Amino acid sequence: MPFDPAVPAFNAELNALMLREQFVGLKAIIDANATITSVVIDSVTTLPPGSTATVSASVVGTVLHLAFGIPEGQQGQPGDEGQQGPPFATVVVAGVNTLPSGTPATVDAALVGNAVELTFGIPQGETGAQGAQGLQGDVSVTQLDNAIATTSSNSNAVNTLDTPFADADAEQMRVRFNELVLALRR
């Protein structure tokens, strides 16, 4: 079926076959026009229930631009009342993420077992004005960097324990010892 801009008809029920035929018709038009090198869907807009579906097409250079308007379905009947959900015992903050400045804050909630897990998104604040020059410190940045660079080098000579122990408690102590030694190294 060739592409027909009058399809679907006003208040017609949308179905997959009709839409597929329209897309196949559009593809045939695109294939027939050798100057079209790509297709871009610029927008898909939800229209009020009962509206006619729309599509507009334009060619800019070698790009076919499409904009769709799809009507929202009619409001359905309310469903049956759901079952009582399980009570939750705890609320856990699963994460706090920094969002770009000016975006709205978010909170995502998930029920995991009997715990409600919350993940917050907090927008970063705007950059403030430059503050006044602080007082001169007693130590320069170079002096501080030099002092820090040599403070932990003495732990580099301590070897990790690489052979696992058969005893579970001793093995746990070996693992923790290795974590400590590796954390002290620079």
C-alpha atoms as a PDB file:
ATOM      1  CA  MET A   1       0.000   0.000   0.000  1.00  0.00           C
ATOM      2  CA  PRO A   2       1.526   3.371  -0.948  1.00  0.00           C
ATOM      3  CA  PHE A   3       1.863   6.062   1.712  1.00  0.00           C
ATOM      4  CA  ASP A   4      -1.406   7.941   2.231  1.00  0.00           C
ATOM      5  CA  PRO A   5      -1.192  11.144   4.321  1.00  0.00           C
ATOM      6  CA  ALA A   6      -4.948  10.862   5.035  1.00  0.00           C
ATOM      7  CA  VAL A   7      -4.439   7.576   6.918  1.00  0.00           C
ATOM      8  CA  PRO A   8      -5.400   7.006   9.649  1.00  0.00           C
ATOM      9  CA  ALA A   9      -8.827   8.557   9.280  1.00  0.00           C
ATOM     10  CA  PHE A  10     -10.179  10.837  11.984  1.00  0.00           C
ATOM     11  CA  ASN A  11     -11.201   8.808  15.071  1.00  0.00           C
ATOM     12  CA  ALA A  12     -10.008   5.593  13.416  1.00  0.00           C
ATOM     13  CA  GLU A  13      -8.678   2.904  15.703  1.00  0.00           C
ATOM     14  CA  LEU A  14      -4.939   2.521  15.237  1.00  0.00           C
ATOM     15  CA  ASN A  15      -3.615  -0.914  14.464  1.00  0.00           C
ATOM     16  CA  ALA A  16      -0.211  -2.346  13.739  1.00  0.00           C
ATOM     17  CA  LEU A  17      -0.992  -3.433  10.173  1.00  0.00           C
ATOM     18  CA  MET A  18      -2.171   0.029   9.145  1.00  0.00           C
ATOM     19  CA  LEU A  19       0.866   1.716  10.726  1.00  0.00           C
ATOM     20  CA  ARG A  20       3.223  -0.850   9.190  1.00  0.00           C
ATOM     21  CA  GLU A  21       1.741  -0.196   5.731  1.00  0.00           C
ATOM     22  CA  GLN A  22       2.184   3.550   6.202  1.00  0.00           C
ATOM     23  CA  PHE A  23       5.834   3.089   7.238  1.00  0.00           C
ATOM     24  CA  VAL A  24       6.459   0.755   4.281  1.00  0.00           C
ATOM     25  CA  GLY A  25       4.912   3.409   2.008  1.00  0.00           C
ATOM     26  CA  LEU A  26       7.192   6.078   3.497  1.00  0.00           C
ATOM     27  CA  LYS A  27      10.206   3.800   3.052  1.00  0.00           C
ATOM     28  CA  ALA A  28       9.291   3.305  -0.624  1.00  0.00           C
ATOM     29  CA  ILE A  29       9.214   7.095  -1.069  1.00  0.00           C
ATOM     30  CA  ILE A  30      12.591   7.406   0.661  1.00  0.00           C
ATOM     31  CA  ASP A  31      14.105   4.570  -1.409  1.00  0.00           C
ATOM     32  CA  ALA A  32      12.815   6.143  -4.631  1.00  0.00           C
ATOM     33  CA  ASN A  33      14.413   9.495  -3.819  1.00  0.00           C
ATOM     34  CA  ALA A  34      18.159   8.972  -4.160  1.00  0.00           C
ATOM     35  CA  THR A  35      18.943  12.314  -2.540  1.00  0.00           C
ATOM     36  CA  ILE A  36      17.706  11.168   0.908  1.00  0.00           C
ATOM     37  CA  THR A  37      20.648   9.776   2.886  1.00  0.00           C
ATOM     38  CA  SER A  38      19.111   9.555   6.348  1.00  0.00           C
ATOM     39  CA  VAL A  39      15.891   9.899   8.297  1.00  0.00           C
ATOM     40  CA  VAL A  40      15.547  11.850  11.541  1.00  0.00           C
ATOM     41  CA  ILE A  41      12.528  11.679  13.828  1.00  0.00           C
ATOM     42  CA  ASP A  42      12.371  15.217  15.166  1.00  0.00           C
ATOM     43  CA  SER A  43       9.507  14.695  17.592  1.00  0.00           C
ATOM     44  CA  VAL A  44       6.751  12.411  18.808  1.00  0.00           C
ATOM     45  CA  THR A  45       3.944  14.365  20.454  1.00  0.00           C
ATOM     46  CA  THR A  46       1.062  12.939  22.479  1.00  0.00           C
ATOM     47  CA  LEU A  47      -2.253  14.332  21.250  1.00  0.00           C
ATOM     48  CA  PRO A  48      -5.543  14.451  23.213  1.00  0.00           C
ATOM     49  CA  PRO A  49      -7.747  11.335  23.055  1.00  0.00           C
ATOM     50  CA  GLY A  50      -9.872  11.254  19.907  1.00  0.00           C
ATOM     51  CA  SER A  51      -7.484  13.453  17.910  1.00  0.00           C
ATOM     52  CA  THR A  52      -6.329  12.435  14.469  1.00  0.00           C
ATOM     53  CA  ALA A  53      -2.830  10.981  14.300  1.00  0.00           C
ATOM     54  CA  THR A  54      -0.456  13.208  12.348  1.00  0.00           C
ATOM     55  CA  VAL A  55       2.875  12.972  10.620  1.00  0.00           C
ATOM     56  CA  SER A  56       4.719  15.751   8.903  1.00  0.00           C
ATOM     57  CA  ALA A  57       7.711  15.226   6.671  1.00  0.00           C
ATOM     58  CA  SER A  58      10.246  17.667   5.309  1.00  0.00           C
ATOM     59  CA  VAL A  59      13.530  17.292   3.506  1.00  0.00           C
ATOM     60  CA  VAL A  60      16.454  19.429   4.584  1.00  0.00           C
ATOM     61  CA  GLY A  61      19.420  18.808   2.343  1.00  0.00           C
ATOM     62  CA  THR A  62      19.635  15.022   2.126  1.00  0.00           C
ATOM     63  CA  VAL A  63      17.858  14.361   5.456  1.00  0.00           C
ATOM     64  CA  LEU A  64      14.192  13.439   5.735  1.00  0.00           C
ATOM     65  CA  HIS A  65      12.728  14.949   8.934  1.00  0.00           C
ATOM     66  CA  LEU A  66       9.593  13.411  10.471  1.00  0.00           C
ATOM     67  CA  ALA A  67       7.355  14.685  13.273  1.00  0.00           C
ATOM     68  CA  PHE A  68       4.631  12.400  14.634  1.00  0.00           C
ATOM     69  CA  GLY A  69       1.492  13.207  16.606  1.00  0.00           C
ATOM     70  CA  ILE A  70      -0.019  10.124  18.281  1.00  0.00           C
ATOM     71  CA  PRO A  71      -3.381  10.404  20.050  1.00  0.00           C
ATOM     72  CA  GLU A  72      -3.601   9.235  23.631  1.00  0.00           C
ATOM     73  CA  GLY A  73      -6.015   6.347  24.217  1.00  0.00           C
ATOM     74  CA  GLN A  74      -9.367   6.830  25.902  1.00  0.00           C
ATOM     75  CA  GLN A  75      -9.395   6.609  29.695  1.00  0.00           C
ATOM     76  CA  GLY A  76     -10.085   3.035  30.741  1.00  0.00           C
ATOM     77  CA  GLN A  77     -12.265   1.821  33.572  1.00  0.00           C
ATOM     78  CA  PRO A  78     -10.665   1.663  37.024  1.00  0.00           C
ATOM     79  CA  GLY A  79      -9.131  -1.702  37.806  1.00  0.00           C
ATOM     80  CA  ASP A  80      -9.917  -3.912  40.756  1.00  0.00           C
ATOM     81  CA  GLU A  81      -8.432  -2.971  44.092  1.00  0.00           C
ATOM     82  CA  GLY A  82      -5.006  -4.520  44.558  1.00  0.00           C
ATOM     83  CA  GLN A  83      -3.902  -6.714  47.417  1.00  0.00           C
ATOM     84  CA  GLN A  84      -2.472  -5.196  50.567  1.00  0.00           C
ATOM     85  CA  GLY A  85       1.266  -4.849  50.122  1.00  0.00           C
ATOM     86  CA  PRO A  86       3.738  -6.035  52.724  1.00  0.00           C
ATOM     87  CA  PRO A  87       4.575  -3.665  55.555  1.00  0.00           C
ATOM     88  CA  PHE A  88       8.050  -2.271  55.446  1.00  0.00           C
ATOM     89  CA  ALA A  89      10.307  -2.284  58.454  1.00  0.00           C
ATOM     90  CA  THR A  90      13.132   0.036  57.456  1.00  0.00           C
ATOM     91  CA  VAL A  91      13.976   2.942  55.206  1.00  0.00           C
ATOM     92  CA  VAL A  92      17.463   2.910  53.709  1.00  0.00           C
ATOM     93  CA  VAL A  93      19.178   5.714  51.810  1.00  0.00           C
ATOM     94  CA  ALA A  94      20.648   3.720  48.925  1.00  0.00           C
ATOM     95  CA  GLY A  95      22.428   6.669  47.359  1.00  0.00           C
ATOM     96  CA  VAL A  96      22.719  10.421  46.939  1.00  0.00           C
ATOM     97  CA  ASN A  97      23.724  11.677  43.493  1.00  0.00           C
ATOM     98  CA  THR A  98      24.769  15.181  42.460  1.00  0.00           C
ATOM     99  CA  LEU A  99      22.707  16.525  39.564  1.00  0.00           C
ATOM    100  CA  PRO A 100      23.624  19.429  37.272  1.00  0.00           C
ATOM    101  CA  SER A 101      22.856  22.873  38.623  1.00  0.00           C
ATOM    102  CA  GLY A 102      19.334  24.065  37.836  1.00  0.00           C
ATOM    103  CA  THR A 103      17.780  20.611  37.397  1.00  0.00           C
ATOM    104  CA  PRO A 104      14.965  19.513  39.721  1.00  0.00           C
ATOM    105  CA  ALA A 105      15.763  17.328  42.709  1.00  0.00           C
ATOM    106  CA  THR A 106      14.694  13.673  42.452  1.00  0.00           C
ATOM    107  CA  VAL A 107      13.846  10.806  44.778  1.00  0.00           C
ATOM    108  CA  ASP A 108      13.567   7.218  43.560  1.00  0.00           C
ATOM    109  CA  ALA A 109      12.030   4.637  45.903  1.00  0.00           C
ATOM    110  CA  ALA A 110      12.190   0.860  45.631  1.00  0.00           C
ATOM    111  CA  LEU A 111      10.788  -1.822  47.931  1.00  0.00           C
ATOM    112  CA  VAL A 112      13.496  -4.447  48.484  1.00  0.00           C
ATOM    113  CA  GLY A 113      12.256  -7.178  50.782  1.00  0.00           C
ATOM    114  CA  ASN A 114      10.772  -5.301  53.706  1.00  0.00           C
ATOM    115  CA  ALA A 115      12.965  -2.210  53.286  1.00  0.00           C
ATOM    116  CA  VAL A 116      12.228   0.949  51.323  1.00  0.00           C
ATOM    117  CA  GLU A 117      15.383   2.080  49.526  1.00  0.00           C
ATOM    118  CA  LEU A 118      15.590   5.765  48.606  1.00  0.00           C
ATOM    119  CA  THR A 119      17.991   7.269  46.091  1.00  0.00           C
ATOM    120  CA  PHE A 120      18.162  11.063  46.145  1.00  0.00           C
ATOM    121  CA  GLY A 121      19.302  13.349  43.329  1.00  0.00           C
ATOM    122  CA  ILE A 122      20.339  16.773  44.624  1.00  0.00           C
ATOM    123  CA  PRO A 123      21.196  19.552  42.155  1.00  0.00           C
ATOM    124  CA  GLN A 124      24.574  21.174  42.543  1.00  0.00           C
ATOM    125  CA  GLY A 125      24.419  24.771  43.721  1.00  0.00           C
ATOM    126  CA  GLU A 126      25.456  27.709  41.592  1.00  0.00           C
ATOM    127  CA  THR A 127      29.085  28.767  41.819  1.00  0.00           C
ATOM    128  CA  GLY A 128      29.426  31.559  44.349  1.00  0.00           C
ATOM    129  CA  ALA A 129      31.398  34.775  44.101  1.00  0.00           C
ATOM    130  CA  GLN A 130      35.153  34.735  44.656  1.00  0.00           C
ATOM    131  CA  GLY A 131      35.970  35.029  48.354  1.00  0.00           C
ATOM    132  CA  ALA A 132      38.518  37.332  49.940  1.00  0.00           C
ATOM    133  CA  GLN A 133      42.179  36.308  50.014  1.00  0.00           C
ATOM    134  CA  GLY A 134      42.899  34.179  53.070  1.00  0.00           C
ATOM    135  CA  LEU A 135      45.691  34.712  55.559  1.00  0.00           C
ATOM    136  CA  GLN A 136      49.160  33.415  54.730  1.00  0.00           C
ATOM    137  CA  GLY A 137      49.657  29.949  56.168  1.00  0.00           C
ATOM    138  CA  ASP A 138      52.595  28.779  58.238  1.00  0.00           C
ATOM    139  CA  VAL A 139      53.537  26.127  55.645  1.00  0.00           C
ATOM    140  CA  SER A 140      53.712  26.534  51.886  1.00  0.00           C
ATOM    141  CA  VAL A 141      51.967  24.122  49.549  1.00  0.00           C
ATOM    142  CA  THR A 142      55.359  22.878  48.352  1.00  0.00           C
ATOM    143  CA  GLN A 143      56.514  22.206  51.920  1.00  0.00           C
ATOM    144  CA  LEU A 144      53.278  20.360  52.675  1.00  0.00           C
ATOM    145  CA  ASP A 145      53.539  18.266  49.493  1.00  0.00           C
ATOM    146  CA  ASN A 146      57.137  17.338  50.312  1.00  0.00           C
ATOM    147  CA  ALA A 147      56.212  16.325  53.865  1.00  0.00           C
ATOM    148  CA  ILE A 148      53.276  14.195  52.745  1.00  0.00           C
ATOM    149  CA  ALA A 149      55.324  12.497  50.026  1.00  0.00           C
ATOM    150  CA  THR A 150      57.724  11.005  52.584  1.00  0.00           C
ATOM    151  CA  THR A 151      55.405  10.167  55.493  1.00  0.00           C
ATOM    152  CA  SER A 152      54.230   6.731  54.427  1.00  0.00           C
ATOM    153  CA  SER A 153      57.193   5.394  52.489  1.00  0.00           C
ATOM    154  CA  ASN A 154      58.337   3.397  55.520  1.00  0.00           C
ATOM    155  CA  SER A 155      55.226   1.140  55.139  1.00  0.00           C
ATOM    156  CA  ASN A 156      56.313   0.152  51.629  1.00  0.00           C
ATOM    157  CA  ALA A 157      58.842  -2.273  53.121  1.00  0.00           C
ATOM    158  CA  VAL A 158      56.104  -4.254  54.923  1.00  0.00           C
ATOM    159  CA  ASN A 159      55.148  -7.302  52.848  1.00  0.00           C
ATOM    160  CA  THR A 160      51.597  -8.582  52.470  1.00  0.00           C
ATOM    161  CA  LEU A 161      50.691 -12.082  53.588  1.00  0.00           C
ATOM    162  CA  ASP A 162      50.068 -13.920  50.334  1.00  0.00           C
ATOM    163  CA  THR A 163      49.481 -17.515  51.504  1.00  0.00           C
ATOM    164  CA  PRO A 164      45.876 -18.183  52.614  1.00  0.00           C
ATOM    165  CA  PHE A 165      45.267 -19.733  56.032  1.00  0.00           C
ATOM    166  CA  ALA A 166      43.081 -22.818  56.539  1.00  0.00           C
ATOM    167  CA  ASP A 167      41.507 -21.391  59.716  1.00  0.00           C
ATOM    168  CA  ALA A 168      38.615 -19.044  58.749  1.00  0.00           C
ATOM    169  CA  ASP A 169      39.331 -16.521  61.543  1.00  0.00           C
ATOM    170  CA  ALA A 170      43.046 -16.420  60.733  1.00  0.00           C
ATOM    171  CA  GLU A 171      42.230 -16.018  57.025  1.00  0.00           C
ATOM    172  CA  GLN A 172      39.957 -13.080  57.787  1.00  0.00           C
ATOM    173  CA  MET A 173      42.747 -11.479  59.843  1.00  0.00           C
ATOM    174  CA  ARG A 174      45.211 -12.069  56.934  1.00  0.00           C
ATOM    175  CA  VAL A 175      42.862 -10.357  54.478  1.00  0.00           C
ATOM    176  CA  ARG A 176      42.361  -7.348  56.783  1.00  0.00           C
ATOM    177  CA  PHE A 177      46.132  -7.107  57.430  1.00  0.00           C
ATOM    178  CA  ASN A 178      46.765  -6.982  53.658  1.00  0.00           C
ATOM    179  CA  GLU A 179      44.087  -4.290  53.239  1.00  0.00           C
ATOM    180  CA  LEU A 180      45.788  -2.178  55.923  1.00  0.00           C
ATOM    181  CA  VAL A 181      49.270  -2.580  54.453  1.00  0.00           C
ATOM    182  CA  LEU A 182      48.064  -1.701  50.942  1.00  0.00           C
ATOM    183  CA  ALA A 183      46.099   1.325  52.219  1.00  0.00           C
ATOM    184  CA  LEU A 184      49.232   2.725  53.894  1.00  0.00           C
ATOM    185  CA  ARG A 185      51.324   2.590  50.746  1.00  0.00           C
ATOM    186  CA  ARG A 186      51.743   5.545  48.433  1.00  0.00           C
END
